Amino acid sequence: MQETVEMINTKEILKNLGVKDVNPGSSTGQISFGEGELISSYSPVDGQLIGKVTATTESEYNKVIETAQSAFKTWRTTPAPKRGEIVRQFGDALRVAKDDLGQLVSYEMGKSLQEGLGEVQEMIDICDFAVGLSRQLYGLTMPSERPNHRMFEQWHPLGVVGIISAFNFPVAVWSWNTALAWIAGDTCVWKASEKAPLCSIACQNIFAKVLKANDLPEGLSCIVNGDYKVGQMMTADKRVPLVSATGSTRMGRIVGSTVAERFGKTILELGGNNAIIITPDADLKMTIIGAVFGAVGTAGQRCTSTRRLIIHENVYDDVVSKLVDAYKQIKIGSPLDQSKHMGPLIDKDAVNTYLSAIEKAKTEGAKFVVEGGVLEGEGYESGCYVKPCIAEVKNEYQIVQDETFAPILYVMKYKELDEAIAMQNDVVQGLSSAIMTNNMREAEMFLCTQGSDCGIANVNIGTSGAEIGGAFGGEKETGGGRESGSDAWKAYMRRQTNTVNYGADLPLAQGITFDL
């Protein structure tokens, strides 16, 4: 593994991305502060220190918000297509930086290099989507009941948008939000995960070059660093009308209630407990590929990772046998080595959570057909590499009801499709779901009103791998927000209903008369 890592010159990559000092000492990428405590970023790949950044203090945070507010006054009056041109240039800059940024994502977060590059491609894709959207921020025209009146609606920018992102997608989720927010005329303040802070500084530096080339104010995009305390500043701040937060359900409850108390808006992308229903009519080769990729990709650290397989009793033994064979072929090691299927968990705390979940599952009666454990020895010195495992369970086990951010896959049986759908829906999370079947009736039943209750429902693909063209998000304790495609842009704007009277008198609504 060490030879593979040395092929990736992290210092050179950081330099290419504008992170020239291992201690950038900047809370915004452009405005140098450096008064807060140091945050060290260690790679889960080899345990090495990549670099350090400074946490944002309260006074620094206030300066960042003021900078973003000032930039908003300019940005909101810029025509939307011209805002789109800036996003287009950012997308082109990402194309140039794709290899370097993708490698940094892989090394700092621990996901495979292919997935790191894919995450940057998602950033490019959402920029392309947003550029077209900049000419499509449509309102509606409605007939008025009063003569000589025109009634319509239009959309206006909100202001400063706060973005709180998680470690598992250290750049893509930010871009889902910020590309749309920029198009809408908003400015953005980003609090990235303290577990992957260098990725955020790299993104800021890439965009800073675009701003400089177009003589635009730096406050269009700012970053703040730190733990939950910095997030608390943002969620309690009335100057931030919208907070988009990705993370755990526990975090979402705090963010949602705090922002709601000040009548702000939220987009919450929280936990997922995603299931695939496997019917007797499923293509099993396709099914195994989707299930294994969904369960072990990013080491089970996606919000859309496959956590549960609900398998018809007639094919249960065959599916489990094929899964066991497939798991024997999984190669675990440095994510920078493209021959490996799975890299490390983000840190040792995640490893401990994984081990605790396994023990709790066993206590509740789970039978592990593929055993888990921590990998040791050459190539695994960081202590963050674990074995993906499979457990036969009942859906009502408490550990199955909870989300564990790790490569633990639970399998269970069903008899009738109604029962399978009920099992899938019988968790508090509602993000992603899938059914594997070649039976049209089963597929349609899964997608109908009484079918999956998740924000995402797929047929013959797994639970992960969402495209930016569709709105991304879930229901129930997943939060209910939507990001990325479709009409998710509306969350970043405020709706205004307008009525214009072009007549010579003033008729009142509902026929009311008021003579003076």
Protein backbone atom coordinates (compact mmCIF):
# COMPACT_ATOMS: atom_id res chain seq x y z
CA MET A 1 0.00 0.00 0.00
CA GLN A 2 2.79 2.42 0.81
CA GLU A 3 4.12 2.26 -2.75
CA THR A 4 0.67 3.15 -4.05
CA VAL A 5 0.33 6.09 -1.68
CA GLU A 6 3.75 7.44 -2.61
CA MET A 7 2.60 7.57 -6.22
CA ILE A 8 0.16 10.24 -5.04
CA ASN A 9 2.24 13.30 -4.19
CA THR A 10 -0.08 14.96 -1.69
CA LYS A 11 2.10 18.05 -1.24
CA GLU A 12 2.15 18.61 -4.98
CA ILE A 13 -1.60 18.08 -5.20
CA LEU A 14 -2.26 20.56 -2.39
CA LYS A 15 0.02 23.06 -4.11
CA ASN A 16 -1.81 22.58 -7.41
CA LEU A 17 -5.11 23.21 -5.62
CA GLY A 18 -3.85 26.40 -4.00
CA VAL A 19 -3.34 24.88 -0.55
CA LYS A 20 0.34 25.77 -0.47
CA ASP A 21 0.87 25.64 3.28
CA VAL A 22 0.14 22.57 5.39
CA ASN A 23 -1.29 25.05 7.86
CA PRO A 24 -3.37 27.34 5.60
CA GLY A 25 -4.39 29.47 8.58
CA SER A 26 -7.43 30.76 6.73
CA SER A 27 -11.10 30.53 7.53
CA THR A 28 -12.31 31.56 4.10
CA GLY A 29 -9.58 30.58 1.69
CA GLN A 30 -9.18 34.24 0.84
CA ILE A 31 -9.49 36.12 4.11
CA SER A 32 -6.67 35.07 6.44
CA PHE A 33 -7.61 34.79 10.09
CA GLY A 34 -5.93 31.97 11.97
CA GLU A 35 -6.95 32.89 15.53
CA GLY A 36 -8.74 29.64 16.37
CA GLU A 37 -7.45 26.27 17.49
CA LEU A 38 -5.69 24.04 15.00
CA ILE A 39 -7.63 21.24 13.33
CA SER A 40 -5.44 18.40 12.11
CA SER A 41 -6.49 16.38 9.10
CA TYR A 42 -5.20 12.80 9.15
CA SER A 43 -5.70 10.45 6.22
CA PRO A 44 -7.51 7.23 7.08
CA VAL A 45 -5.56 5.66 4.21
CA ASP A 46 -2.24 5.57 6.06
CA GLY A 47 -2.78 7.59 9.23
CA GLN A 48 -0.49 10.38 8.06
CA LEU A 49 -1.04 14.04 8.84
CA ILE A 50 -2.07 15.82 5.63
CA GLY A 51 -2.30 19.34 6.98
CA LYS A 52 -3.81 21.66 9.55
CA VAL A 53 -6.34 24.47 9.42
CA THR A 54 -7.53 26.88 12.06
CA ALA A 55 -11.00 26.72 13.56
CA THR A 56 -13.12 29.81 13.04
CA THR A 57 -13.64 32.00 16.09
CA GLU A 58 -16.84 33.92 16.74
CA SER A 59 -15.34 37.23 15.63
CA GLU A 60 -14.01 35.60 12.46
CA TYR A 61 -17.39 34.03 11.80
CA ASN A 62 -19.10 37.41 12.06
CA LYS A 63 -16.62 38.90 9.60
CA VAL A 64 -17.31 36.09 7.14
CA ILE A 65 -21.09 36.65 7.37
CA GLU A 66 -20.66 40.39 6.89
CA THR A 67 -18.51 39.71 3.82
CA ALA A 68 -21.19 37.40 2.41
CA GLN A 69 -23.94 39.93 3.14
CA SER A 70 -22.01 42.66 1.35
CA ALA A 71 -21.44 40.46 -1.70
CA PHE A 72 -25.14 39.56 -1.80
CA LYS A 73 -26.06 43.18 -2.50
CA THR A 74 -24.07 42.99 -5.74
CA TRP A 75 -24.85 39.41 -6.68
CA ARG A 76 -28.64 39.62 -6.33
CA THR A 77 -28.82 42.37 -8.97
CA THR A 78 -26.65 40.45 -11.42
CA PRO A 79 -28.87 38.94 -14.15
CA ALA A 80 -29.37 35.22 -13.61
CA PRO A 81 -27.82 34.22 -16.98
CA LYS A 82 -24.70 36.19 -16.05
CA ARG A 83 -24.64 34.35 -12.72
CA GLY A 84 -24.84 31.20 -14.79
CA GLU A 85 -21.76 32.24 -16.74
CA ILE A 86 -19.75 32.37 -13.49
CA VAL A 87 -20.94 28.88 -12.57
CA ARG A 88 -20.00 27.70 -16.06
CA GLN A 89 -16.48 28.99 -15.53
CA PHE A 90 -16.33 27.22 -12.17
CA GLY A 91 -17.34 23.98 -13.87
CA ASP A 92 -14.54 24.44 -16.40
CA ALA A 93 -12.07 25.11 -13.59
CA LEU A 94 -13.18 21.89 -11.92
CA ARG A 95 -12.52 20.00 -15.16
CA VAL A 96 -8.92 21.21 -15.04
CA ALA A 97 -8.57 20.38 -11.33
CA LYS A 98 -10.51 17.08 -11.46
CA ASP A 99 -7.57 14.71 -11.09
CA ASP A 100 -5.95 16.62 -8.24
CA LEU A 101 -9.18 17.27 -6.35
CA GLY A 102 -10.38 13.70 -6.85
CA GLN A 103 -7.13 12.37 -5.41
CA LEU A 104 -7.39 14.72 -2.43
CA VAL A 105 -10.96 13.57 -1.77
CA SER A 106 -9.81 9.95 -1.90
CA TYR A 107 -6.83 10.48 0.37
CA GLU A 108 -8.45 12.77 2.94
CA MET A 109 -11.79 10.93 3.16
CA GLY A 110 -10.79 7.36 2.28
CA LYS A 111 -13.17 6.57 -0.57
CA SER A 112 -11.87 4.85 -3.69
CA LEU A 113 -10.05 6.99 -6.23
CA GLN A 114 -12.76 6.21 -8.78
CA GLU A 115 -15.39 7.48 -6.36
CA GLY A 116 -13.28 10.55 -5.54
CA LEU A 117 -13.04 11.40 -9.21
CA GLY A 118 -16.73 10.63 -9.58
CA GLU A 119 -17.53 13.07 -6.81
CA VAL A 120 -15.74 15.86 -8.66
CA GLN A 121 -17.61 14.84 -11.81
CA GLU A 122 -20.84 15.35 -9.86
CA MET A 123 -19.65 18.88 -9.14
CA ILE A 124 -19.08 19.46 -12.84
CA ASP A 125 -22.48 17.98 -13.68
CA ILE A 126 -24.36 20.18 -11.22
CA CYS A 127 -22.58 23.24 -12.65
CA ASP A 128 -23.78 22.24 -16.13
CA PHE A 129 -27.30 21.75 -14.77
CA ALA A 130 -27.22 25.12 -13.00
CA VAL A 131 -26.02 26.98 -16.09
CA GLY A 132 -29.11 25.88 -18.02
CA LEU A 133 -31.26 26.57 -14.99
CA SER A 134 -30.06 30.19 -14.91
CA ARG A 135 -32.39 30.86 -17.85
CA GLN A 136 -35.30 28.88 -16.40
CA LEU A 137 -36.18 30.36 -13.00
CA TYR A 138 -39.79 30.43 -14.05
CA GLY A 139 -42.78 31.92 -12.27
CA LEU A 140 -46.45 31.46 -13.13
CA THR A 141 -49.19 33.72 -14.44
CA MET A 142 -52.67 33.21 -12.95
CA PRO A 143 -56.00 34.67 -14.09
CA SER A 144 -57.33 37.32 -11.78
CA GLU A 145 -61.00 37.42 -10.80
CA ARG A 146 -60.90 41.23 -11.11
CA PRO A 147 -61.10 42.94 -14.50
CA ASN A 148 -58.03 44.74 -15.81
CA HIS A 149 -55.76 42.95 -13.37
CA ARG A 150 -52.79 40.70 -13.97
CA MET A 151 -51.65 38.25 -11.31
CA PHE A 152 -48.36 36.39 -11.39
CA GLU A 153 -45.55 35.08 -9.20
CA GLN A 154 -41.82 35.56 -9.28
CA TRP A 155 -38.82 34.27 -7.34
CA HIS A 156 -36.20 36.34 -5.51
CA PRO A 157 -32.88 35.44 -3.85
CA LEU A 158 -32.94 34.65 -0.13
CA GLY A 159 -29.59 36.09 0.94
CA VAL A 160 -26.78 34.22 2.68
CA VAL A 161 -27.15 30.43 2.48
CA GLY A 162 -25.40 28.37 5.13
CA ILE A 163 -24.17 24.93 4.07
CA ILE A 164 -23.13 22.26 6.58
CA SER A 165 -21.69 19.19 4.88
CA ALA A 166 -20.54 15.78 6.12
CA PHE A 167 -17.23 13.99 5.67
CA ASN A 168 -18.53 11.23 3.39
CA PHE A 169 -19.07 13.57 0.43
CA PRO A 170 -16.58 16.31 1.23
CA VAL A 171 -17.10 18.29 -2.00
CA ALA A 172 -20.12 17.06 -4.01
CA VAL A 173 -22.90 17.88 -1.54
CA TRP A 174 -21.56 21.41 -1.13
CA SER A 175 -21.68 21.87 -4.88
CA TRP A 176 -25.26 20.55 -5.09
CA ASN A 177 -26.24 23.41 -2.82
CA THR A 178 -23.94 26.19 -3.84
CA ALA A 179 -24.34 25.90 -7.63
CA LEU A 180 -28.10 26.31 -7.25
CA ALA A 181 -27.75 29.00 -4.60
CA TRP A 182 -25.41 31.03 -6.82
CA ILE A 183 -27.80 30.74 -9.75
CA ALA A 184 -30.61 31.90 -7.47
CA GLY A 185 -28.61 35.00 -6.54
CA ASP A 186 -27.57 33.90 -3.06
CA THR A 187 -24.13 33.95 -1.48
CA CYS A 188 -22.85 30.94 0.44
CA VAL A 189 -21.03 30.21 3.68
CA TRP A 190 -19.80 26.64 3.94
CA LYS A 191 -18.99 24.77 7.12
CA ALA A 192 -17.30 21.60 5.91
CA SER A 193 -16.71 18.57 8.10
CA GLU A 194 -13.77 18.97 10.42
CA LYS A 195 -12.78 15.46 9.27
CA ALA A 196 -12.07 16.65 5.71
CA PRO A 197 -11.27 20.39 5.90
CA LEU A 198 -8.60 20.54 3.20
CA CYS A 199 -11.09 19.56 0.51
CA SER A 200 -13.16 22.64 1.32
CA ILE A 201 -10.15 24.94 1.16
CA ALA A 202 -9.20 23.46 -2.20
CA CYS A 203 -12.69 24.11 -3.58
CA GLN A 204 -12.64 27.64 -2.24
CA ASN A 205 -9.32 28.33 -3.92
CA ILE A 206 -10.57 27.00 -7.26
CA PHE A 207 -13.62 29.28 -7.13
CA ALA A 208 -11.56 32.22 -5.87
CA LYS A 209 -9.66 32.25 -9.17
CA VAL A 210 -12.96 32.49 -11.06
CA LEU A 211 -14.08 35.39 -8.87
CA LYS A 212 -10.80 37.23 -9.35
CA ALA A 213 -10.88 36.76 -13.11
CA ASN A 214 -14.36 38.31 -13.21
CA ASP A 215 -13.70 41.07 -10.66
CA LEU A 216 -16.42 39.77 -8.34
CA PRO A 217 -16.51 40.09 -4.53
CA GLU A 218 -14.97 37.24 -2.59
CA GLY A 219 -18.00 36.97 -0.32
CA LEU A 220 -19.95 35.02 -2.94
CA SER A 221 -18.33 31.95 -1.43
CA CYS A 222 -16.87 31.70 2.06
CA ILE A 223 -15.88 28.83 4.30
CA VAL A 224 -15.73 28.48 8.06
CA ASN A 225 -13.92 25.66 9.83
CA GLY A 226 -14.52 23.87 13.09
CA ASP A 227 -16.69 21.45 14.99
CA TYR A 228 -20.35 21.67 16.00
CA LYS A 229 -19.75 24.97 17.80
CA VAL A 230 -19.22 26.74 14.48
CA GLY A 231 -22.35 25.04 13.16
CA GLN A 232 -24.26 26.38 16.15
CA MET A 233 -23.24 29.94 15.25
CA MET A 234 -24.69 29.46 11.79
CA THR A 235 -27.94 27.75 12.78
CA ALA A 236 -28.73 30.43 15.38
CA ASP A 237 -27.84 33.32 13.05
CA LYS A 238 -30.82 35.33 11.74
CA ARG A 239 -28.57 36.70 9.00
CA VAL A 240 -28.61 33.22 7.42
CA PRO A 241 -32.18 32.69 6.14
CA LEU A 242 -31.50 29.16 4.85
CA VAL A 243 -29.35 26.42 6.36
CA SER A 244 -28.75 23.27 4.33
CA ALA A 245 -27.35 20.58 6.60
CA THR A 246 -26.20 17.05 5.83
CA GLY A 247 -25.44 14.67 8.68
CA SER A 248 -26.97 12.47 11.33
CA THR A 249 -30.59 12.55 12.41
CA ARG A 250 -29.42 13.66 15.84
CA MET A 251 -27.67 16.65 14.31
CA GLY A 252 -30.68 17.36 12.11
CA ARG A 253 -33.01 17.60 15.09
CA ILE A 254 -30.79 20.26 16.64
CA VAL A 255 -30.34 22.21 13.41
CA GLY A 256 -34.01 21.96 12.43
CA SER A 257 -35.37 23.09 15.78
CA THR A 258 -32.85 25.92 16.16
CA VAL A 259 -33.48 27.36 12.70
CA ALA A 260 -37.25 26.90 13.01
CA GLU A 261 -37.25 28.79 16.31
CA ARG A 262 -36.01 31.87 14.43
CA PHE A 263 -38.39 31.14 11.49
CA GLY A 264 -35.54 30.33 9.13
CA LYS A 265 -35.61 27.68 6.42
CA THR A 266 -33.78 24.37 6.31
CA ILE A 267 -32.86 21.65 3.87
CA LEU A 268 -32.05 18.57 5.91
CA GLU A 269 -30.36 15.49 4.42
CA LEU A 270 -30.08 13.08 7.33
CA GLY A 271 -29.94 9.35 8.00
CA GLY A 272 -30.70 6.51 5.63
CA ASN A 273 -31.58 2.88 6.35
CA ASN A 274 -31.91 1.78 2.79
CA ALA A 275 -33.29 -1.55 1.65
CA ILE A 276 -33.41 -3.59 -1.55
CA ILE A 277 -36.34 -5.95 -2.01
CA ILE A 278 -35.31 -9.02 -4.01
CA THR A 279 -38.19 -10.91 -5.61
CA PRO A 280 -38.26 -14.37 -7.28
CA ASP A 281 -38.33 -12.57 -10.64
CA ALA A 282 -35.09 -10.66 -10.01
CA ASP A 283 -32.07 -10.93 -12.27
CA LEU A 284 -29.70 -12.26 -9.62
CA LYS A 285 -26.47 -11.27 -11.38
CA MET A 286 -27.67 -7.68 -11.55
CA THR A 287 -28.96 -7.94 -8.00
CA ILE A 288 -25.66 -9.11 -6.50
CA ILE A 289 -23.71 -6.34 -8.25
CA GLY A 290 -26.12 -3.67 -7.00
CA ALA A 291 -26.27 -5.03 -3.47
CA VAL A 292 -22.51 -5.45 -3.03
CA PHE A 293 -21.67 -2.03 -4.49
CA GLY A 294 -24.37 -0.42 -2.37
CA ALA A 295 -23.18 -2.13 0.81
CA VAL A 296 -19.39 -1.87 0.55
CA GLY A 297 -18.88 1.19 -1.67
CA THR A 298 -17.33 4.06 0.33
CA ALA A 299 -17.00 1.43 3.08
CA GLY A 300 -20.73 1.72 3.80
CA GLN A 301 -20.39 5.41 4.60
CA ARG A 302 -22.94 6.80 2.16
CA CYS A 303 -26.31 8.03 3.32
CA THR A 304 -27.64 5.90 0.44
CA SER A 305 -25.61 2.79 1.33
CA THR A 306 -27.54 -0.46 1.20
CA ARG A 307 -28.16 -1.55 4.80
CA ARG A 308 -30.88 -4.18 4.38
CA LEU A 309 -31.77 -6.89 1.86
CA ILE A 310 -35.36 -8.12 2.06
CA ILE A 311 -35.28 -11.39 0.11
CA HIS A 312 -38.13 -13.65 -0.97
CA GLU A 313 -37.95 -16.99 0.81
CA ASN A 314 -37.82 -18.93 -2.50
CA VAL A 315 -34.55 -17.29 -3.54
CA TYR A 316 -33.15 -16.44 -0.13
CA ASP A 317 -30.59 -19.25 0.13
CA ASP A 318 -29.38 -18.69 -3.43
CA VAL A 319 -28.98 -14.93 -2.92
CA VAL A 320 -27.14 -15.32 0.39
CA SER A 321 -24.84 -17.96 -1.10
CA LYS A 322 -23.98 -15.69 -4.03
CA LEU A 323 -23.39 -12.78 -1.66
CA VAL A 324 -20.99 -14.83 0.44
CA ASP A 325 -19.07 -15.80 -2.69
CA ALA A 326 -18.99 -12.17 -3.84
CA TYR A 327 -17.71 -10.94 -0.48
CA LYS A 328 -14.80 -13.39 -0.72
CA GLN A 329 -13.68 -11.50 -3.83
CA ILE A 330 -13.71 -8.02 -2.26
CA LYS A 331 -10.24 -6.49 -2.11
CA ILE A 332 -9.64 -4.10 0.75
CA GLY A 333 -6.80 -1.62 0.88
CA SER A 334 -5.62 1.83 -0.12
CA PRO A 335 -8.41 3.57 -2.03
CA LEU A 336 -5.70 5.10 -4.21
CA ASP A 337 -5.08 1.62 -5.61
CA GLN A 338 -7.78 1.18 -8.23
CA SER A 339 -7.60 -2.61 -7.93
CA LYS A 340 -9.15 -2.35 -4.47
CA HIS A 341 -12.92 -2.37 -3.97
CA MET A 342 -13.09 -0.88 -0.47
CA GLY A 343 -10.99 1.55 1.51
CA PRO A 344 -11.00 2.51 5.19
CA LEU A 345 -13.56 3.98 7.52
CA ILE A 346 -13.05 7.68 8.20
CA ASP A 347 -11.41 7.27 11.64
CA LYS A 348 -11.05 5.01 14.67
CA ASP A 349 -14.26 6.35 16.22
CA ALA A 350 -16.09 4.98 13.19
CA VAL A 351 -14.30 1.66 13.68
CA ASN A 352 -15.50 1.50 17.28
CA THR A 353 -19.07 2.26 16.18
CA TYR A 354 -18.81 -0.57 13.63
CA LEU A 355 -17.57 -3.03 16.25
CA SER A 356 -20.27 -2.00 18.72
CA ALA A 357 -22.97 -2.53 16.08
CA ILE A 358 -21.70 -6.05 15.39
CA GLU A 359 -21.76 -6.95 19.07
CA LYS A 360 -25.23 -5.49 19.53
CA ALA A 361 -26.51 -7.42 16.52
CA LYS A 362 -25.12 -10.65 17.95
CA THR A 363 -26.71 -9.90 21.31
CA GLU A 364 -30.09 -9.48 19.63
CA GLY A 365 -29.75 -12.83 17.84
CA ALA A 366 -28.08 -12.03 14.52
CA LYS A 367 -26.21 -14.83 12.73
CA PHE A 368 -23.20 -13.60 10.77
CA VAL A 369 -22.71 -15.50 7.53
CA VAL A 370 -19.75 -13.24 6.72
CA GLU A 371 -17.83 -12.23 9.84
CA GLY A 372 -16.54 -8.74 10.42
CA GLY A 373 -13.46 -7.46 12.19
CA VAL A 374 -10.61 -4.98 12.02
CA LEU A 375 -7.79 -5.61 9.56
CA GLU A 376 -4.21 -5.44 10.82
CA GLY A 377 -0.73 -5.74 9.39
CA GLU A 378 1.07 -4.25 6.44
CA GLY A 379 -1.05 -1.77 4.54
CA TYR A 380 -3.55 -1.37 7.39
CA GLU A 381 -1.42 0.71 9.78
CA SER A 382 -4.02 3.47 10.14
CA GLY A 383 -6.29 1.10 12.08
CA CYS A 384 -9.30 2.20 10.02
CA TYR A 385 -9.69 -0.81 7.72
CA VAL A 386 -12.48 -3.26 8.53
CA LYS A 387 -14.08 -6.31 6.94
CA PRO A 388 -17.50 -5.94 5.30
CA CYS A 389 -19.90 -8.38 6.93
CA ILE A 390 -23.34 -9.90 6.41
CA ALA A 391 -25.79 -10.82 9.18
CA GLU A 392 -29.07 -12.75 9.07
CA VAL A 393 -31.53 -10.79 11.21
CA LYS A 394 -35.13 -9.85 11.85
CA ASN A 395 -36.20 -6.39 10.75
CA GLU A 396 -37.45 -5.51 14.22
CA TYR A 397 -34.00 -5.83 15.85
CA GLN A 398 -33.13 -2.42 17.25
CA ILE A 399 -29.68 -2.41 15.63
CA VAL A 400 -31.34 -3.02 12.26
CA GLN A 401 -33.65 -0.08 12.86
CA ASP A 402 -30.66 2.18 13.48
CA GLU A 403 -28.26 3.49 10.86
CA THR A 404 -24.66 2.35 11.24
CA PHE A 405 -22.23 4.16 8.96
CA ALA A 406 -20.20 1.05 8.15
CA PRO A 407 -20.18 -1.95 5.76
CA ILE A 408 -22.66 -4.09 7.68
CA LEU A 409 -25.37 -5.68 5.55
CA TYR A 410 -28.48 -7.21 7.12
CA VAL A 411 -30.45 -9.91 5.27
CA MET A 412 -33.98 -11.14 6.03
CA LYS A 413 -36.80 -13.15 4.43
CA TYR A 414 -40.31 -12.31 3.23
CA LYS A 415 -43.24 -14.26 1.72
CA GLU A 416 -45.54 -11.71 0.04
CA LEU A 417 -44.63 -8.41 -1.63
CA ASP A 418 -46.97 -6.43 0.64
CA GLU A 419 -45.03 -7.83 3.58
CA ALA A 420 -41.70 -6.87 2.00
CA ILE A 421 -42.81 -3.29 1.35
CA ALA A 422 -44.10 -3.01 4.91
CA MET A 423 -40.73 -4.26 6.22
CA GLN A 424 -38.88 -1.78 4.06
CA ASN A 425 -41.04 1.10 5.28
CA ASP A 426 -40.95 -0.02 8.91
CA VAL A 427 -37.94 2.11 9.86
CA VAL A 428 -37.80 5.76 10.88
CA GLN A 429 -35.57 6.75 7.97
CA GLY A 430 -36.90 7.27 4.44
CA LEU A 431 -34.10 8.10 2.03
CA SER A 432 -33.49 5.49 -0.68
CA SER A 433 -35.06 2.19 -1.65
CA ALA A 434 -35.01 -0.33 -4.48
CA ILE A 435 -36.69 -3.43 -5.82
CA MET A 436 -35.07 -6.04 -8.02
CA THR A 437 -37.67 -7.66 -10.27
CA ASN A 438 -38.55 -8.29 -13.90
CA ASN A 439 -42.22 -8.46 -12.98
CA MET A 440 -43.97 -5.25 -14.07
CA ARG A 441 -46.73 -5.63 -11.51
CA GLU A 442 -44.24 -5.92 -8.67
CA ALA A 443 -42.31 -2.90 -9.91
CA GLU A 444 -45.43 -0.77 -10.20
CA MET A 445 -46.69 -1.88 -6.81
CA PHE A 446 -43.37 -0.78 -5.30
CA LEU A 447 -43.63 2.65 -6.95
CA CYS A 448 -47.33 3.30 -6.30
CA THR A 449 -48.88 5.30 -3.47
CA GLN A 450 -48.96 2.34 -1.09
CA GLY A 451 -45.42 1.30 -2.06
CA SER A 452 -42.06 2.68 -0.95
CA ASP A 453 -42.31 5.66 1.40
CA CYS A 454 -38.79 6.88 0.59
CA GLY A 455 -37.74 9.99 -1.29
CA ILE A 456 -35.91 7.76 -3.77
CA ALA A 457 -37.40 4.53 -5.15
CA ASN A 458 -35.54 2.54 -7.81
CA VAL A 459 -36.29 -0.50 -9.94
CA ASN A 460 -33.44 -2.80 -10.95
CA ILE A 461 -30.71 -0.52 -9.69
CA GLY A 462 -29.37 -0.27 -6.17
CA THR A 463 -30.02 2.33 -3.49
CA SER A 464 -26.93 4.46 -4.22
CA GLY A 465 -25.78 6.34 -7.29
CA ALA A 466 -28.27 9.22 -7.55
CA GLU A 467 -27.97 11.48 -10.61
CA ILE A 468 -27.93 15.25 -10.26
CA GLY A 469 -30.88 15.69 -12.64
CA GLY A 470 -33.32 14.40 -10.04
CA ALA A 471 -34.11 16.03 -6.71
CA PHE A 472 -32.20 14.24 -3.96
CA GLY A 473 -33.62 13.75 -0.48
CA GLY A 474 -35.83 11.68 1.77
CA GLU A 475 -38.80 11.55 4.07
CA LYS A 476 -39.49 10.88 7.76
CA GLU A 477 -36.33 11.22 9.87
CA THR A 478 -34.23 11.69 6.75
CA GLY A 479 -35.39 15.29 6.94
CA GLY A 480 -37.65 15.97 3.98
CA GLY A 481 -35.37 18.37 2.14
CA ARG A 482 -34.41 18.25 -1.53
CA GLU A 483 -31.13 19.16 -3.20
CA SER A 484 -29.64 18.99 -6.68
CA GLY A 485 -31.98 18.58 -9.68
CA SER A 486 -35.62 18.97 -10.70
CA ASP A 487 -37.15 22.04 -8.99
CA ALA A 488 -34.90 21.93 -5.90
CA TRP A 489 -33.80 25.46 -6.86
CA LYS A 490 -37.00 26.81 -5.31
CA ALA A 491 -35.65 26.11 -1.83
CA TYR A 492 -32.94 28.73 -2.38
CA MET A 493 -35.38 31.49 -3.33
CA ARG A 494 -38.44 33.20 -1.92
CA ARG A 495 -41.73 33.17 -3.78
CA GLN A 496 -43.59 36.44 -4.31
CA THR A 497 -47.14 36.81 -5.64
CA ASN A 498 -47.77 40.02 -7.60
CA THR A 499 -50.95 41.71 -8.80
CA VAL A 500 -50.93 44.62 -11.25
CA ASN A 501 -54.02 46.78 -11.76
CA TYR A 502 -53.85 48.42 -15.17
CA GLY A 503 -57.45 49.70 -15.06
CA ALA A 504 -58.93 53.08 -14.08
CA ASP A 505 -60.76 51.91 -10.95
CA LEU A 506 -60.09 49.63 -7.99
CA PRO A 507 -62.41 46.59 -7.82
CA LEU A 508 -61.88 44.55 -4.65
CA ALA A 509 -61.50 40.80 -4.43
CA GLN A 510 -64.53 38.55 -3.79
CA GLY A 511 -66.83 41.36 -4.96
CA ILE A 512 -66.40 43.41 -1.79
CA THR A 513 -67.51 47.05 -2.10
CA PHE A 514 -65.94 49.87 -0.14
CA ASP A 515 -67.24 53.27 -1.22
CA LEU A 516 -65.73 56.55 -0.04
